[in-house]
PDB file of N, CA and C in Angstrom:
ATOM      1  N   MET A   1       0.832  -1.173   0.000  1.00  0.00           N
ATOM      2  CA  MET A   1       0.000   0.000   0.000  1.00  0.00           C
ATOM      3  C   MET A   1       0.885   1.248   0.000  1.00  0.00           C
ATOM      4  N   LYS A   2       0.520   2.218  -0.762  1.00  0.00           N
ATOM      5  CA  LYS A   2       1.269   3.466  -0.867  1.00  0.00           C
ATOM      6  C   LYS A   2       1.114   4.291   0.399  1.00  0.00           C
ATOM      7  N   ASN A   3       2.216   4.893   0.846  1.00  0.00           N
ATOM      8  CA  ASN A   3       2.149   5.831   1.969  1.00  0.00           C
ATOM      9  C   ASN A   3       1.704   7.178   1.440  1.00  0.00           C
ATOM     10  N   LEU A   4       0.607   7.695   1.952  1.00  0.00           N
ATOM     11  CA  LEU A   4       0.103   8.990   1.520  1.00  0.00           C
ATOM     12  C   LEU A   4       0.913  10.104   2.155  1.00  0.00           C
ATOM     13  N   ARG A   5       1.227  11.102   1.356  1.00  0.00           N
ATOM     14  CA  ARG A   5       1.897  12.294   1.866  1.00  0.00           C
ATOM     15  C   ARG A   5       0.821  13.344   2.072  1.00  0.00           C
ATOM     16  N   ILE A   6       0.633  13.746   3.323  1.00  0.00           N
ATOM     17  CA  ILE A   6      -0.461  14.646   3.692  1.00  0.00           C
ATOM     18  C   ILE A   6       0.122  16.000   4.105  1.00  0.00           C
ATOM     19  N   MET A   7      -0.505  17.061   3.645  1.00  0.00           N
ATOM     20  CA  MET A   7      -0.098  18.422   4.001  1.00  0.00           C
ATOM     21  C   MET A   7      -1.328  19.147   4.525  1.00  0.00           C
ATOM     22  N   THR A   8      -1.199  19.782   5.683  1.00  0.00           N
ATOM     23  CA  THR A   8      -2.282  20.581   6.246  1.00  0.00           C
ATOM     24  C   THR A   8      -1.869  22.041   6.152  1.00  0.00           C
ATOM     25  N   ILE A   9      -2.753  22.887   5.613  1.00  0.00           N
ATOM     26  CA  ILE A   9      -2.399  24.287   5.405  1.00  0.00           C
ATOM     27  C   ILE A   9      -3.466  25.226   5.941  1.00  0.00           C
ATOM     28  N   THR A  10      -3.065  26.478   6.069  1.00  0.00           N
ATOM     29  CA  THR A  10      -3.989  27.586   6.231  1.00  0.00           C
ATOM     30  C   THR A  10      -4.002  28.301   4.894  1.00  0.00           C
ATOM     31  N   ALA A  11      -5.151  28.372   4.253  1.00  0.00           N
ATOM     32  CA  ALA A  11      -5.249  29.037   2.955  1.00  0.00           C
ATOM     33  C   ALA A  11      -5.001  30.534   3.153  1.00  0.00           C
ATOM     34  N   ALA A  12      -4.216  31.117   2.261  1.00  0.00           N
ATOM     35  CA  ALA A  12      -3.857  32.536   2.375  1.00  0.00           C
ATOM     36  C   ALA A  12      -4.770  33.388   1.515  1.00  0.00           C
ATOM     37  N   LEU A  13      -4.781  34.688   1.818  1.00  0.00           N
ATOM     38  CA  LEU A  13      -5.562  35.613   0.995  1.00  0.00           C
ATOM     39  C   LEU A  13      -5.115  35.477  -0.438  1.00  0.00           C
ATOM     40  N   GLY A  14      -6.078  35.432  -1.320  1.00  0.00           N
ATOM     41  CA  GLY A  14      -5.869  34.823  -2.588  1.00  0.00           C
ATOM     42  C   GLY A  14      -5.311  35.558  -3.766  1.00  0.00           C
ATOM     43  N   VAL A  15      -4.159  35.122  -4.138  1.00  0.00           N
ATOM     44  CA  VAL A  15      -3.639  35.343  -5.471  1.00  0.00           C
ATOM     45  C   VAL A  15      -2.875  34.089  -5.856  1.00  0.00           C
ATOM     46  N   GLN A  16      -2.804  33.849  -7.119  1.00  0.00           N
ATOM     47  CA  GLN A  16      -2.135  32.657  -7.624  1.00  0.00           C
ATOM     48  C   GLN A  16      -0.679  32.639  -7.177  1.00  0.00           C
ATOM     49  N   GLY A  17      -0.231  31.495  -6.667  1.00  0.00           N
ATOM     50  CA  GLY A  17       1.162  31.310  -6.295  1.00  0.00           C
ATOM     51  C   GLY A  17       1.514  31.631  -4.858  1.00  0.00           C
ATOM     52  N   VAL A  18       0.586  32.197  -4.069  1.00  0.00           N
ATOM     53  CA  VAL A  18       0.910  32.580  -2.690  1.00  0.00           C
ATOM     54  C   VAL A  18       1.121  31.360  -1.797  1.00  0.00           C
ATOM     55  N   VAL A  19       0.260  30.362  -1.881  1.00  0.00           N
ATOM     56  CA  VAL A  19       0.409  29.143  -1.074  1.00  0.00           C
ATOM     57  C   VAL A  19       0.544  27.959  -2.029  1.00  0.00           C
ATOM     58  N   PRO A  20       1.789  27.643  -2.445  1.00  0.00           N
ATOM     59  CA  PRO A  20       1.968  26.491  -3.327  1.00  0.00           C
ATOM     60  C   PRO A  20       1.909  25.182  -2.541  1.00  0.00           C
ATOM     61  N   ILE A  21       1.516  24.132  -3.205  1.00  0.00           N
ATOM     62  CA  ILE A  21       1.486  22.795  -2.613  1.00  0.00           C
ATOM     63  C   ILE A  21       2.893  22.209  -2.695  1.00  0.00           C
ATOM     64  N   ASN A  22       3.348  21.578  -1.621  1.00  0.00           N
ATOM     65  CA  ASN A  22       4.658  20.939  -1.644  1.00  0.00           C
ATOM     66  C   ASN A  22       4.688  19.818  -2.684  1.00  0.00           C
ATOM     67  N   PRO A  23       5.829  19.614  -3.336  1.00  0.00           N
ATOM     68  CA  PRO A  23       5.931  18.513  -4.300  1.00  0.00           C
ATOM     69  C   PRO A  23       5.643  17.168  -3.625  1.00  0.00           C
ATOM     70  N   GLY A  24       4.954  16.295  -4.334  1.00  0.00           N
ATOM     71  CA  GLY A  24       4.695  14.948  -3.844  1.00  0.00           C
ATOM     72  C   GLY A  24       3.528  14.795  -2.891  1.00  0.00           C
ATOM     73  N   VAL A  25       2.793  15.861  -2.606  1.00  0.00           N
ATOM     74  CA  VAL A  25       1.650  15.767  -1.690  1.00  0.00           C
ATOM     75  C   VAL A  25       0.503  15.030  -2.378  1.00  0.00           C
ATOM     76  N   ASP A  26      -0.119  14.092  -1.665  1.00  0.00           N
ATOM     77  CA  ASP A  26      -1.258  13.333  -2.186  1.00  0.00           C
ATOM     78  C   ASP A  26      -2.582  13.865  -1.652  1.00  0.00           C
ATOM     79  N   VAL A  27      -2.588  14.279  -0.386  1.00  0.00           N
ATOM     80  CA  VAL A  27      -3.807  14.746   0.279  1.00  0.00           C
ATOM     81  C   VAL A  27      -3.518  16.109   0.898  1.00  0.00           C
ATOM     82  N   LEU A  28      -4.382  17.069   0.606  1.00  0.00           N
ATOM     83  CA  LEU A  28      -4.236  18.410   1.164  1.00  0.00           C
ATOM     84  C   LEU A  28      -5.464  18.706   1.998  1.00  0.00           C
ATOM     85  N   GLU A  29      -5.260  18.980   3.284  1.00  0.00           N
ATOM     86  CA  GLU A  29      -6.368  19.344   4.164  1.00  0.00           C
ATOM     87  C   GLU A  29      -6.262  20.825   4.493  1.00  0.00           C
ATOM     88  N   VAL A  30      -7.315  21.579   4.173  1.00  0.00           N
ATOM     89  CA  VAL A  30      -7.364  22.999   4.488  1.00  0.00           C
ATOM     90  C   VAL A  30      -8.138  23.141   5.796  1.00  0.00           C
ATOM     91  N   GLU A  31      -7.440  23.595   6.848  1.00  0.00           N
ATOM     92  CA  GLU A  31      -8.069  23.700   8.169  1.00  0.00           C
ATOM     93  C   GLU A  31      -8.633  25.082   8.439  1.00  0.00           C
ATOM     94  N   THR A  32      -7.922  26.114   8.026  1.00  0.00           N
ATOM     95  CA  THR A  32      -8.374  27.483   8.273  1.00  0.00           C
ATOM     96  C   THR A  32      -8.071  28.342   7.056  1.00  0.00           C
ATOM     97  N   THR A  33      -8.679  29.518   7.000  1.00  0.00           N
ATOM     98  CA  THR A  33      -8.439  30.427   5.887  1.00  0.00           C
ATOM     99  C   THR A  33      -8.084  31.809   6.417  1.00  0.00           C
ATOM    100  N   GLY A  34      -7.510  32.612   5.523  1.00  0.00           N
ATOM    101  CA  GLY A  34      -7.138  33.964   5.887  1.00  0.00           C
ATOM    102  C   GLY A  34      -8.189  34.986   5.523  1.00  0.00           C
ATOM    103  N   GLY A  35      -9.326  34.550   4.995  1.00  0.00           N
ATOM    104  CA  GLY A  35     -10.377  35.481   4.618  1.00  0.00           C
ATOM    105  C   GLY A  35     -11.195  34.969   3.462  1.00  0.00           C
ATOM    106  N   ALA A  36     -12.039  35.841   2.934  1.00  0.00           N
ATOM    107  CA  ALA A  36     -13.047  35.447   1.943  1.00  0.00           C
ATOM    108  C   ALA A  36     -12.460  34.957   0.627  1.00  0.00           C
ATOM    109  N   THR A  37     -11.304  35.437   0.224  1.00  0.00           N
ATOM    110  CA  THR A  37     -10.737  35.003  -1.067  1.00  0.00           C
ATOM    111  C   THR A  37      -9.490  34.155  -0.859  1.00  0.00           C
ATOM    112  N   SER A  38      -9.493  33.323   0.174  1.00  0.00           N
ATOM    113  CA  SER A  38      -8.320  32.506   0.489  1.00  0.00           C
ATOM    114  C   SER A  38      -8.239  31.291  -0.410  1.00  0.00           C
ATOM    115  N   GLY A  39      -7.014  30.804  -0.596  1.00  0.00           N
ATOM    116  CA  GLY A  39      -6.833  29.611  -1.400  1.00  0.00           C
ATOM    117  C   GLY A  39      -5.389  29.186  -1.482  1.00  0.00           C
ATOM    118  N   PHE A  40      -5.098  28.364  -2.483  1.00  0.00           N
ATOM    119  CA  PHE A  40      -3.752  27.832  -2.686  1.00  0.00           C
ATOM    120  C   PHE A  40      -3.564  27.520  -4.160  1.00  0.00           C
ATOM    121  N   THR A  41      -2.325  27.185  -4.534  1.00  0.00           N
ATOM    122  CA  THR A  41      -1.975  26.925  -5.926  1.00  0.00           C
ATOM    123  C   THR A  41      -1.500  25.487  -6.096  1.00  0.00           C
ATOM    124  N   LEU A  42      -2.074  24.788  -7.075  1.00  0.00           N
ATOM    125  CA  LEU A  42      -1.633  23.431  -7.410  1.00  0.00           C
ATOM    126  C   LEU A  42      -0.238  23.486  -8.024  1.00  0.00           C
ATOM    127  N   PRO A  43       0.532  22.398  -7.918  1.00  0.00           N
ATOM    128  CA  PRO A  43       1.821  22.348  -8.602  1.00  0.00           C
ATOM    129  C   PRO A  43       1.591  22.187 -10.112  1.00  0.00           C
ATOM    130  N   PRO A  44       2.636  22.312 -10.937  1.00  0.00           N
ATOM    131  CA  PRO A  44       2.454  22.112 -12.378  1.00  0.00           C
ATOM    132  C   PRO A  44       1.860  20.741 -12.710  1.00  0.00           C
ATOM    133  N   GLY A  45       2.181  19.722 -11.948  1.00  0.00           N
ATOM    134  CA  GLY A  45       1.567  18.405 -12.122  1.00  0.00           C
ATOM    135  C   GLY A  45       2.224  17.557 -13.187  1.00  0.00           C
ATOM    136  N   ASP A  46       2.432  16.300 -12.858  1.00  0.00           N
ATOM    137  CA  ASP A  46       2.921  15.306 -13.799  1.00  0.00           C
ATOM    138  C   ASP A  46       1.736  14.486 -14.276  1.00  0.00           C
ATOM    139  N   LEU A  47       1.798  13.973 -15.490  1.00  0.00           N
ATOM    140  CA  LEU A  47       0.722  13.178 -16.059  1.00  0.00           C
ATOM    141  C   LEU A  47       0.278  12.102 -15.070  1.00  0.00           C
ATOM    142  N   GLY A  48      -1.001  12.094 -14.727  1.00  0.00           N
ATOM    143  CA  GLY A  48      -1.565  11.103 -13.822  1.00  0.00           C
ATOM    144  C   GLY A  48      -1.472  11.446 -12.346  1.00  0.00           C
ATOM    145  N   GLN A  49      -0.803  12.537 -12.000  1.00  0.00           N
ATOM    146  CA  GLN A  49      -0.715  12.935 -10.594  1.00  0.00           C
ATOM    147  C   GLN A  49      -2.103  13.274 -10.066  1.00  0.00           C
ATOM    148  N   VAL A  50      -2.390  12.840  -8.838  1.00  0.00           N
ATOM    149  CA  VAL A  50      -3.684  13.098  -8.209  1.00  0.00           C
ATOM    150  C   VAL A  50      -3.452  13.779  -6.865  1.00  0.00           C
ATOM    151  N   ILE A  51      -4.193  14.844  -6.620  1.00  0.00           N
ATOM    152  CA  ILE A  51      -4.165  15.518  -5.319  1.00  0.00           C
ATOM    153  C   ILE A  51      -5.606  15.596  -4.826  1.00  0.00           C
ATOM    154  N   HIS A  52      -5.841  15.052  -3.631  1.00  0.00           N
ATOM    155  CA  HIS A  52      -7.163  15.084  -3.011  1.00  0.00           C
ATOM    156  C   HIS A  52      -7.200  16.268  -2.048  1.00  0.00           C
ATOM    157  N   VAL A  53      -8.221  17.107  -2.162  1.00  0.00           N
ATOM    158  CA  VAL A  53      -8.332  18.289  -1.318  1.00  0.00           C
ATOM    159  C   VAL A  53      -9.557  18.152  -0.420  1.00  0.00           C
ATOM    160  N   ILE A  54      -9.332  18.309   0.882  1.00  0.00           N
ATOM    161  CA  ILE A  54     -10.392  18.257   1.884  1.00  0.00           C
ATOM    162  C   ILE A  54     -10.496  19.657   2.480  1.00  0.00           C
ATOM    163  N   ASN A  55     -11.663  20.277   2.358  1.00  0.00           N
ATOM    164  CA  ASN A  55     -11.856  21.623   2.895  1.00  0.00           C
ATOM    165  C   ASN A  55     -12.613  21.541   4.214  1.00  0.00           C
ATOM    166  N   ASN A  56     -11.865  21.557   5.320  1.00  0.00           N
ATOM    167  CA  ASN A  56     -12.449  21.542   6.657  1.00  0.00           C
ATOM    168  C   ASN A  56     -12.438  22.924   7.294  1.00  0.00           C
ATOM    169  N   SER A  57     -12.273  23.963   6.475  1.00  0.00           N
ATOM    170  CA  SER A  57     -12.077  25.309   7.013  1.00  0.00           C
ATOM    171  C   SER A  57     -13.362  26.008   7.451  1.00  0.00           C
ATOM    172  N   GLY A  58     -14.494  25.588   6.936  1.00  0.00           N
ATOM    173  CA  GLY A  58     -15.739  26.297   7.209  1.00  0.00           C
ATOM    174  C   GLY A  58     -15.985  27.452   6.253  1.00  0.00           C
ATOM    175  N   SER A  59     -15.042  27.712   5.341  1.00  0.00           N
ATOM    176  CA  SER A  59     -15.174  28.785   4.349  1.00  0.00           C
ATOM    177  C   SER A  59     -14.929  28.233   2.956  1.00  0.00           C
ATOM    178  N   THR A  60     -15.473  28.914   1.959  1.00  0.00           N
ATOM    179  CA  THR A  60     -15.180  28.551   0.577  1.00  0.00           C
ATOM    180  C   THR A  60     -13.751  28.967   0.259  1.00  0.00           C
ATOM    181  N   ILE A  61     -13.005  28.105  -0.430  1.00  0.00           N
ATOM    182  CA  ILE A  61     -11.626  28.414  -0.801  1.00  0.00           C
ATOM    183  C   ILE A  61     -11.477  28.418  -2.321  1.00  0.00           C
ATOM    184  N   GLN A  62     -10.420  29.044  -2.794  1.00  0.00           N
ATOM    185  CA  GLN A  62     -10.105  29.069  -4.215  1.00  0.00           C
ATOM    186  C   GLN A  62      -8.868  28.217  -4.472  1.00  0.00           C
ATOM    187  N   VAL A  63      -8.848  27.558  -5.627  1.00  0.00           N
ATOM    188  CA  VAL A  63      -7.708  26.753  -6.036  1.00  0.00           C
ATOM    189  C   VAL A  63      -7.269  27.251  -7.409  1.00  0.00           C
ATOM    190  N   TRP A  64      -5.978  27.603  -7.521  1.00  0.00           N
ATOM    191  CA  TRP A  64      -5.425  28.060  -8.785  1.00  0.00           C
ATOM    192  C   TRP A  64      -4.508  27.003  -9.361  1.00  0.00           C
ATOM    193  N   PRO A  65      -4.373  26.955 -10.690  1.00  0.00           N
ATOM    194  CA  PRO A  65      -3.324  26.140 -11.290  1.00  0.00           C
ATOM    195  C   PRO A  65      -1.998  26.888 -11.148  1.00  0.00           C
ATOM    196  N   ALA A  66      -0.887  26.212 -11.399  1.00  0.00           N
ATOM    197  CA  ALA A  66       0.397  26.915 -11.479  1.00  0.00           C
ATOM    198  C   ALA A  66       0.296  27.927 -12.619  1.00  0.00           C
ATOM    199  N   VAL A  67       1.129  28.939 -12.599  1.00  0.00           N
ATOM    200  CA  VAL A  67       1.078  29.991 -13.619  1.00  0.00           C
ATOM    201  C   VAL A  67       1.135  29.375 -15.017  1.00  0.00           C
ATOM    202  N   GLY A  68       0.188  29.788 -15.863  1.00  0.00           N
ATOM    203  CA  GLY A  68       0.100  29.276 -17.228  1.00  0.00           C
ATOM    204  C   GLY A  68      -0.746  28.019 -17.360  1.00  0.00           C
ATOM    205  N   GLY A  69      -1.279  27.503 -16.235  1.00  0.00           N
ATOM    206  CA  GLY A  69      -2.044  26.263 -16.259  1.00  0.00           C
ATOM    207  C   GLY A  69      -3.535  26.493 -16.249  1.00  0.00           C
ATOM    208  N   LEU A  70      -4.273  25.382 -16.291  1.00  0.00           N
ATOM    209  CA  LEU A  70      -5.730  25.482 -16.222  1.00  0.00           C
ATOM    210  C   LEU A  70      -6.305  24.304 -15.464  1.00  0.00           C
ATOM    211  N   ILE A  71      -7.512  24.517 -14.951  1.00  0.00           N
ATOM    212  CA  ILE A  71      -8.260  23.485 -14.230  1.00  0.00           C
ATOM    213  C   ILE A  71      -9.573  23.287 -14.964  1.00  0.00           C
ATOM    214  N   GLY A  72      -9.835  22.047 -15.352  1.00  0.00           N
ATOM    215  CA  GLY A  72     -11.068  21.730 -16.066  1.00  0.00           C
ATOM    216  C   GLY A  72     -11.183  22.528 -17.345  1.00  0.00           C
ATOM    217  N   GLY A  73     -12.369  23.016 -17.629  1.00  0.00           N
ATOM    218  CA  GLY A  73     -12.600  23.790 -18.842  1.00  0.00           C
ATOM    219  C   GLY A  73     -12.398  25.275 -18.642  1.00  0.00           C
ATOM    220  N   GLY A  74     -11.804  25.661 -17.508  1.00  0.00           N
ATOM    221  CA  GLY A  74     -11.620  27.073 -17.209  1.00  0.00           C
ATOM    222  C   GLY A  74     -10.541  27.725 -18.049  1.00  0.00           C
ATOM    223  N   ALA A  75     -10.473  29.032 -17.942  1.00  0.00           N
ATOM    224  CA  ALA A  75      -9.459  29.799 -18.658  1.00  0.00           C
ATOM    225  C   ALA A  75      -8.095  29.619 -17.985  1.00  0.00           C
ATOM    226  N   VAL A  76      -7.038  29.874 -18.726  1.00  0.00           N
ATOM    227  CA  VAL A  76      -5.685  29.809 -18.197  1.00  0.00           C
ATOM    228  C   VAL A  76      -5.588  30.744 -16.987  1.00  0.00           C
ATOM    229  N   ASN A  77      -4.962  30.250 -15.918  1.00  0.00           N
ATOM    230  CA  ASN A  77      -4.725  30.985 -14.663  1.00  0.00           C
ATOM    231  C   ASN A  77      -5.992  31.284 -13.866  1.00  0.00           C
ATOM    232  N   SER A  78      -7.133  30.685 -14.214  1.00  0.00           N
ATOM    233  CA  SER A  78      -8.378  30.915 -13.476  1.00  0.00           C
ATOM    234  C   SER A  78      -8.513  29.928 -12.323  1.00  0.00           C
ATOM    235  N   SER A  79      -9.082  30.416 -11.231  1.00  0.00           N
ATOM    236  CA  SER A  79      -9.282  29.561 -10.063  1.00  0.00           C
ATOM    237  C   SER A  79     -10.637  28.865 -10.124  1.00  0.00           C
ATOM    238  N   VAL A  80     -10.761  27.816  -9.325  1.00  0.00           N
ATOM    239  CA  VAL A  80     -12.044  27.169  -9.069  1.00  0.00           C
ATOM    240  C   VAL A  80     -12.294  27.286  -7.569  1.00  0.00           C
ATOM    241  N   THR A  81     -13.547  27.157  -7.147  1.00  0.00           N
ATOM    242  CA  THR A  81     -13.864  27.260  -5.725  1.00  0.00           C
ATOM    243  C   THR A  81     -14.261  25.905  -5.160  1.00  0.00           C
ATOM    244  N   ILE A  82     -13.962  25.735  -3.875  1.00  0.00           N
ATOM    245  CA  ILE A  82     -14.362  24.528  -3.149  1.00  0.00           C
ATOM    246  C   ILE A  82     -15.077  24.982  -1.884  1.00  0.00           C
ATOM    247  N   LYS A  83     -16.331  24.602  -1.762  1.00  0.00           N
ATOM    248  CA  LYS A  83     -17.110  24.933  -0.568  1.00  0.00           C
ATOM    249  C   LYS A  83     -16.676  24.028   0.578  1.00  0.00           C
ATOM    250  N   PRO A  84     -16.925  24.461   1.819  1.00  0.00           N
ATOM    251  CA  PRO A  84     -16.622  23.578   2.947  1.00  0.00           C
ATOM    252  C   PRO A  84     -17.483  22.323   2.839  1.00  0.00           C
ATOM    253  N   GLN A  85     -16.894  21.191   3.154  1.00  0.00           N
ATOM    254  CA  GLN A  85     -17.592  19.930   2.931  1.00  0.00           C
ATOM    255  C   GLN A  85     -17.381  18.972   4.087  1.00  0.00           C
ATOM    256  N   THR A  86     -18.389  18.184   4.354  1.00  0.00           N
ATOM    257  CA  THR A  86     -18.291  17.115   5.329  1.00  0.00           C
ATOM    258  C   THR A  86     -18.471  15.805   4.583  1.00  0.00           C
ATOM    259  N   GLY A  87     -17.514  14.903   4.732  1.00  0.00           N
ATOM    260  CA  GLY A  87     -17.614  13.608   4.069  1.00  0.00           C
ATOM    261  C   GLY A  87     -17.384  13.666   2.572  1.00  0.00           C
ATOM    262  N   ARG A  88     -16.744  14.735   2.089  1.00  0.00           N
ATOM    263  CA  ARG A  88     -16.479  14.874   0.661  1.00  0.00           C
ATOM    264  C   ARG A  88     -15.066  15.414   0.471  1.00  0.00           C
ATOM    265  N   HIS A  89     -14.545  15.188  -0.710  1.00  0.00           N
ATOM    266  CA  HIS A  89     -13.298  15.838  -1.092  1.00  0.00           C
ATOM    267  C   HIS A  89     -13.311  16.042  -2.601  1.00  0.00           C
ATOM    268  N   ILE A  90     -12.435  16.896  -3.067  1.00  0.00           N
ATOM    269  CA  ILE A  90     -12.274  17.149  -4.490  1.00  0.00           C
ATOM    270  C   ILE A  90     -10.950  16.526  -4.911  1.00  0.00           C
ATOM    271  N   SER A  91     -10.968  15.768  -5.983  1.00  0.00           N
ATOM    272  CA  SER A  91      -9.746  15.193  -6.529  1.00  0.00           C
ATOM    273  C   SER A  91      -9.355  15.964  -7.773  1.00  0.00           C
ATOM    274  N   PHE A  92      -8.093  16.390  -7.829  1.00  0.00           N
ATOM    275  CA  PHE A  92      -7.533  17.049  -8.999  1.00  0.00           C
ATOM    276  C   PHE A  92      -6.583  16.060  -9.664  1.00  0.00           C
ATOM    277  N   ILE A  93      -6.773  15.825 -10.969  1.00  0.00           N
ATOM    278  CA  ILE A  93      -5.978  14.852 -11.713  1.00  0.00           C
ATOM    279  C   ILE A  93      -5.282  15.562 -12.864  1.00  0.00           C
ATOM    280  N   ALA A  94      -3.946  15.444 -12.915  1.00  0.00           N
ATOM    281  CA  ALA A  94      -3.184  16.070 -13.997  1.00  0.00           C
ATOM    282  C   ALA A  94      -3.281  15.186 -15.240  1.00  0.00           C
ATOM    283  N   TYR A  95      -3.902  15.714 -16.311  1.00  0.00           N
ATOM    284  CA  TYR A  95      -4.032  14.941 -17.543  1.00  0.00           C
ATOM    285  C   TYR A  95      -3.005  15.374 -18.589  1.00  0.00           C
ATOM    286  N   LYS A  96      -2.359  16.476 -18.376  1.00  0.00           N
ATOM    287  CA  LYS A  96      -1.224  16.962 -19.155  1.00  0.00           C
ATOM    288  C   LYS A  96      -0.424  17.833 -18.195  1.00  0.00           C
ATOM    289  N   PRO A  97       0.843  18.114 -18.499  1.00  0.00           N
ATOM    290  CA  PRO A  97       1.570  19.017 -17.617  1.00  0.00           C
ATOM    291  C   PRO A  97       0.828  20.356 -17.467  1.00  0.00           C
ATOM    292  N   ASN A  98       0.602  20.756 -16.224  1.00  0.00           N
ATOM    293  CA  ASN A  98      -0.046  22.019 -15.867  1.00  0.00           C
ATOM    294  C   ASN A  98      -1.506  22.115 -16.325  1.00  0.00           C
ATOM    295  N   LYS A  99      -2.150  20.961 -16.555  1.00  0.00           N
ATOM    296  CA  LYS A  99      -3.576  20.920 -16.886  1.00  0.00           C
ATOM    297  C   LYS A  99      -4.232  19.877 -15.998  1.00  0.00           C
ATOM    298  N   TRP A 100      -5.249  20.324 -15.257  1.00  0.00           N
ATOM    299  CA  TRP A 100      -5.894  19.489 -14.243  1.00  0.00           C
ATOM    300  C   TRP A 100      -7.387  19.328 -14.537  1.00  0.00           C
ATOM    301  N   SER A 101      -7.907  18.128 -14.285  1.00  0.00           N
ATOM    302  CA  SER A 101      -9.358  17.927 -14.245  1.00  0.00           C
ATOM    303  C   SER A 101      -9.722  17.812 -12.769  1.00  0.00           C
ATOM    304  N   GLN A 102     -11.011  17.883 -12.459  1.00  0.00           N
ATOM    305  CA  GLN A 102     -11.425  17.773 -11.062  1.00  0.00           C
ATOM    306  C   GLN A 102     -12.668  16.917 -10.960  1.00  0.00           C
ATOM    307  N   SER A 103     -12.809  16.233  -9.826  1.00  0.00           N
ATOM    308  CA  SER A 103     -14.024  15.466  -9.563  1.00  0.00           C
ATOM    309  C   SER A 103     -14.377  15.591  -8.090  1.00  0.00           C
ATOM    310  N   ASP A 104     -15.659  15.611  -7.821  1.00  0.00           N
ATOM    311  CA  ASP A 104     -16.199  15.720  -6.472  1.00  0.00           C
ATOM    312  C   ASP A 104     -16.514  14.305  -5.991  1.00  0.00           C
ATOM    313  N   VAL A 105     -15.931  13.909  -4.856  1.00  0.00           N
ATOM    314  CA  VAL A 105     -16.087  12.540  -4.376  1.00  0.00           C
ATOM    315  C   VAL A 105     -16.745  12.557  -2.998  1.00  0.00           C
ATOM    316  N   GLN A 106     -17.723  11.688  -2.792  1.00  0.00           N
ATOM    317  CA  GLN A 106     -18.366  11.568  -1.484  1.00  0.00           C
ATOM    318  C   GLN A 106     -17.929  10.268  -0.842  1.00  0.00           C
ATOM    319  N   TRP A 107     -17.548  10.350   0.435  1.00  0.00           N
ATOM    320  CA  TRP A 107     -17.163   9.152   1.172  1.00  0.00           C
ATOM    321  C   TRP A 107     -18.406   8.494   1.733  1.00  0.00           C
ATOM    322  N   ARG A 108     -18.324   7.212   1.928  1.00  0.00           N
ATOM    323  CA  ARG A 108     -19.434   6.474   2.529  1.00  0.00           C
ATOM    324  C   ARG A 108     -19.076   6.023   3.901  1.00  0.00           C
TER     325      ARG A 108
END
């Protein structure tokens, strides 16, 4: 079984690149935020890389791609939002370098 690398952060007031994810992180838990537009930035991503994000902060957070990247069908450098969730997480999957898809997963 793979050992998961877990990172717990406080989301910072939001601009792209302010809170980057450490390389090799598999699970990111957001515990607190710095305000209404808080968030973090995904790494450029290797093909097939998956990062699971759990938002336990009680606030909506923003997630940006690395500079020049995109998430889902969004525009380059555009963020997506993740509402606070119980029993759910968002999975980001790198399908090309610096291009991520996302899926909403519910735990049972």
